[in-house]
Amino acid sequence: MSPLTWAVAAVVIDGSGRLLLCGRSDGARRWALPGGRLRHDESPVDAVVRAVRAETGWAVRPADLLGLYRVTGPPAPAPPAGRCGARPDVLVHVFRAGPADAGPTGEPVAGCLVEWWSAEGLPGALTPTTRAAVADALAGRSGVLRHTTAADPLTPSGEGQPAAPGQRASEQADSSSR
């Protein structure tokens, strides 16, 4: 079992229905929800406000908890003695939020290209967790429990869409993210 890291992220939607994403350069540019690690001395709500502002420059107001998204790395053999193990699993508290101000209140961190996207024109290179969380937010879901794999290939259009009628979001995620 890998160690567990706690994180926060937000699906930030403005009054025009646009979504705030952070373009990250990790070999190939992938777009992700803004957020960061949860510190030991803060609540997830306080953490998401701090992390989104620090990463993007935007102050946000969380509206509700969209869900918990567990991100695991690919199965890996045990490392040789003296070497680090696999990347830790991450449990991300994803919130639905809106901007608190009319514009950014600071500068984004280096390595984060901040951009607003229409729901219909999202970039194709979304992380698996971002694609799932955005689909859940746009479908009006709350209380979602999902599992994604960090090693999933870039999700092609059509995957991560809302679950079929009668299917729980967690069932659809388990089948589409593996």
Protein backbone atom coordinates (compact mmCIF):
# COMPACT_ATOMS: atom_id res chain seq x y z
CA MET A 1 0.00 0.00 0.00
CA SER A 2 1.32 3.44 -0.92
CA PRO A 3 1.40 6.35 1.54
CA LEU A 4 -1.58 8.69 1.24
CA THR A 5 -1.29 12.42 0.52
CA TRP A 6 -4.27 14.71 1.11
CA ALA A 7 -4.97 17.44 -1.43
CA VAL A 8 -7.66 19.94 -2.43
CA ALA A 9 -8.87 21.27 -5.76
CA ALA A 10 -11.77 23.34 -7.06
CA VAL A 11 -14.01 23.33 -10.09
CA VAL A 12 -14.21 27.13 -10.31
CA ILE A 13 -17.10 28.34 -12.47
CA ASP A 14 -17.64 32.04 -13.15
CA GLY A 15 -20.94 33.84 -13.82
CA SER A 16 -20.63 33.08 -17.56
CA GLY A 17 -20.26 29.34 -16.97
CA ARG A 18 -16.54 29.28 -17.78
CA LEU A 19 -14.17 27.00 -15.88
CA LEU A 20 -10.79 28.02 -14.45
CA LEU A 21 -8.01 25.55 -15.31
CA CYS A 22 -4.29 25.48 -14.76
CA GLY A 23 -2.11 24.32 -17.65
CA ARG A 24 0.80 22.37 -16.21
CA SER A 25 3.89 21.45 -18.11
CA ASP A 26 4.90 17.94 -17.10
CA GLY A 27 6.43 16.71 -20.33
CA ALA A 28 3.29 17.41 -22.33
CA ARG A 29 0.99 20.22 -21.26
CA ARG A 30 -1.98 18.87 -19.34
CA TRP A 31 -4.78 20.96 -17.92
CA ALA A 32 -5.88 20.44 -14.33
CA LEU A 33 -8.07 21.91 -11.63
CA PRO A 34 -6.34 24.50 -9.47
CA GLY A 35 -5.45 23.33 -5.98
CA GLY A 36 -2.69 21.91 -3.86
CA ARG A 37 -1.74 19.90 -0.81
CA LEU A 38 -3.67 20.04 2.42
CA ARG A 39 -1.53 21.30 5.31
CA HIS A 40 -1.77 19.55 8.65
CA ASP A 41 -3.10 22.67 10.40
CA GLU A 42 -5.95 23.63 8.05
CA SER A 43 -9.38 22.41 7.05
CA PRO A 44 -10.06 21.33 3.45
CA VAL A 45 -12.19 24.47 2.91
CA ASP A 46 -9.43 26.79 4.14
CA ALA A 47 -6.89 24.81 2.13
CA VAL A 48 -8.78 25.11 -1.17
CA VAL A 49 -9.15 28.88 -0.78
CA ARG A 50 -5.42 29.23 -0.01
CA ALA A 51 -4.22 26.79 -2.67
CA VAL A 52 -6.33 28.15 -5.55
CA ARG A 53 -5.31 31.72 -4.75
CA ALA A 54 -1.63 30.78 -4.43
CA GLU A 55 -1.63 28.80 -7.67
CA THR A 56 -3.80 31.02 -9.89
CA GLY A 57 -4.02 34.44 -8.23
CA TRP A 58 -7.84 34.08 -7.98
CA ALA A 59 -9.67 34.27 -4.65
CA VAL A 60 -12.56 31.78 -4.60
CA ARG A 61 -15.65 31.04 -2.51
CA PRO A 62 -16.32 27.31 -2.11
CA ALA A 63 -20.01 26.45 -2.54
CA ASP A 64 -20.01 22.76 -1.64
CA LEU A 65 -17.94 19.59 -1.62
CA LEU A 66 -18.23 18.02 -5.05
CA GLY A 67 -16.59 14.80 -3.89
CA LEU A 68 -13.52 12.82 -2.93
CA TYR A 69 -11.30 11.65 -5.77
CA ARG A 70 -8.62 9.07 -5.05
CA VAL A 71 -5.71 9.12 -7.46
CA THR A 72 -3.42 6.12 -7.47
CA GLY A 73 -0.25 5.50 -9.39
CA PRO A 74 0.24 2.47 -11.57
CA PRO A 75 1.10 -0.78 -9.78
CA ALA A 76 4.85 -0.87 -9.28
CA PRO A 77 7.21 -3.52 -7.97
CA ALA A 78 8.86 -2.92 -4.62
CA PRO A 79 11.88 -0.62 -5.00
CA PRO A 80 15.39 -1.90 -4.31
CA ALA A 81 16.78 -1.27 -0.85
CA GLY A 82 17.72 2.36 -0.30
CA ARG A 83 15.49 3.66 -3.10
CA CYS A 84 12.26 5.63 -2.89
CA GLY A 85 9.02 3.81 -3.54
CA ALA A 86 6.16 4.63 -5.87
CA ARG A 87 4.47 8.02 -5.83
CA PRO A 88 1.96 8.27 -2.98
CA ASP A 89 -1.74 7.84 -3.54
CA VAL A 90 -3.60 11.16 -3.32
CA LEU A 91 -7.04 11.77 -1.85
CA VAL A 92 -8.34 15.02 -3.35
CA HIS A 93 -11.22 16.96 -1.76
CA VAL A 94 -12.77 18.63 -4.82
CA PHE A 95 -15.00 21.64 -4.21
CA ARG A 96 -17.40 23.52 -6.46
CA ALA A 97 -16.50 27.22 -6.19
CA GLY A 98 -16.92 30.62 -7.78
CA PRO A 99 -14.59 33.61 -8.01
CA ALA A 100 -14.75 35.88 -4.96
CA ASP A 101 -13.66 38.97 -6.93
CA ALA A 102 -14.04 40.38 -10.44
CA GLY A 103 -10.41 39.65 -11.23
CA PRO A 104 -7.34 37.93 -9.90
CA THR A 105 -5.92 39.33 -6.69
CA GLY A 106 -2.39 38.09 -7.30
CA GLU A 107 -0.05 36.47 -9.79
CA PRO A 108 -0.14 32.74 -10.65
CA VAL A 109 2.78 30.59 -9.61
CA ALA A 110 5.42 29.71 -12.15
CA GLY A 111 4.46 26.62 -14.11
CA CYS A 112 0.71 27.32 -14.02
CA LEU A 113 -0.83 28.80 -17.15
CA VAL A 114 -4.18 30.12 -15.90
CA GLU A 115 -7.00 30.15 -18.41
CA TRP A 116 -10.81 30.28 -18.41
CA TRP A 117 -12.54 27.73 -20.67
CA SER A 118 -16.13 27.32 -21.81
CA ALA A 119 -17.70 24.01 -20.82
CA GLU A 120 -18.17 23.18 -24.50
CA GLY A 121 -14.60 24.08 -25.49
CA LEU A 122 -12.49 22.35 -22.86
CA PRO A 123 -9.01 21.28 -23.93
CA GLY A 124 -8.55 17.60 -24.75
CA ALA A 125 -5.48 17.19 -22.56
CA LEU A 126 -7.20 17.10 -19.16
CA THR A 127 -5.95 14.98 -16.29
CA PRO A 128 -8.29 12.03 -15.60
CA THR A 129 -9.35 13.50 -12.25
CA THR A 130 -10.05 16.90 -13.81
CA ARG A 131 -12.19 15.38 -16.57
CA ALA A 132 -14.19 13.35 -14.04
CA ALA A 133 -14.66 16.24 -11.59
CA VAL A 134 -15.72 18.70 -14.31
CA ALA A 135 -18.25 16.19 -15.68
CA ASP A 136 -19.60 15.65 -12.16
CA ALA A 137 -19.84 19.40 -11.48
CA LEU A 138 -21.58 20.15 -14.78
CA ALA A 139 -24.04 17.31 -14.13
CA GLY A 140 -24.89 18.87 -10.74
CA ARG A 141 -23.57 15.98 -8.66
CA SER A 142 -22.36 16.22 -5.07
CA GLY A 143 -20.93 13.64 -2.69
CA VAL A 144 -19.10 11.81 -5.48
CA LEU A 145 -16.55 9.11 -4.68
CA ARG A 146 -14.22 8.31 -7.59
CA HIS A 147 -11.01 6.47 -8.21
CA THR A 148 -8.67 7.45 -11.05
CA THR A 149 -5.18 6.35 -11.98
CA ALA A 150 -2.46 8.95 -12.45
CA ALA A 151 -1.00 6.87 -15.27
CA ASP A 152 -4.21 6.94 -17.31
CA PRO A 153 -3.50 8.22 -20.80
CA LEU A 154 -4.86 11.61 -21.73
CA THR A 155 -8.59 11.08 -21.66
CA PRO A 156 -10.08 11.28 -25.15
CA SER A 157 -13.29 13.21 -25.70
CA GLY A 158 -16.37 11.32 -24.61
CA GLU A 159 -14.86 9.59 -21.57
CA GLY A 160 -15.60 10.95 -18.15
CA GLN A 161 -19.05 11.96 -19.27
CA PRO A 162 -21.97 11.79 -16.87
CA ALA A 163 -23.03 8.31 -15.81
CA ALA A 164 -25.84 6.61 -17.66
CA PRO A 165 -29.28 6.82 -16.03
CA GLY A 166 -29.47 4.41 -13.12
CA GLN A 167 -25.67 4.13 -12.86
CA ARG A 168 -23.86 5.68 -9.90
CA ALA A 169 -21.02 8.02 -10.74
CA SER A 170 -18.58 5.83 -8.80
CA GLU A 171 -19.54 2.77 -10.88
CA GLN A 172 -18.99 4.66 -14.12
CA ALA A 173 -15.66 6.01 -12.89
CA ASP A 174 -14.41 2.56 -11.94
CA SER A 175 -15.22 1.23 -15.39
CA SER A 176 -13.93 4.19 -17.43
CA SER A 177 -10.76 5.08 -15.52
CA ARG A 178 -9.05 1.70 -15.69
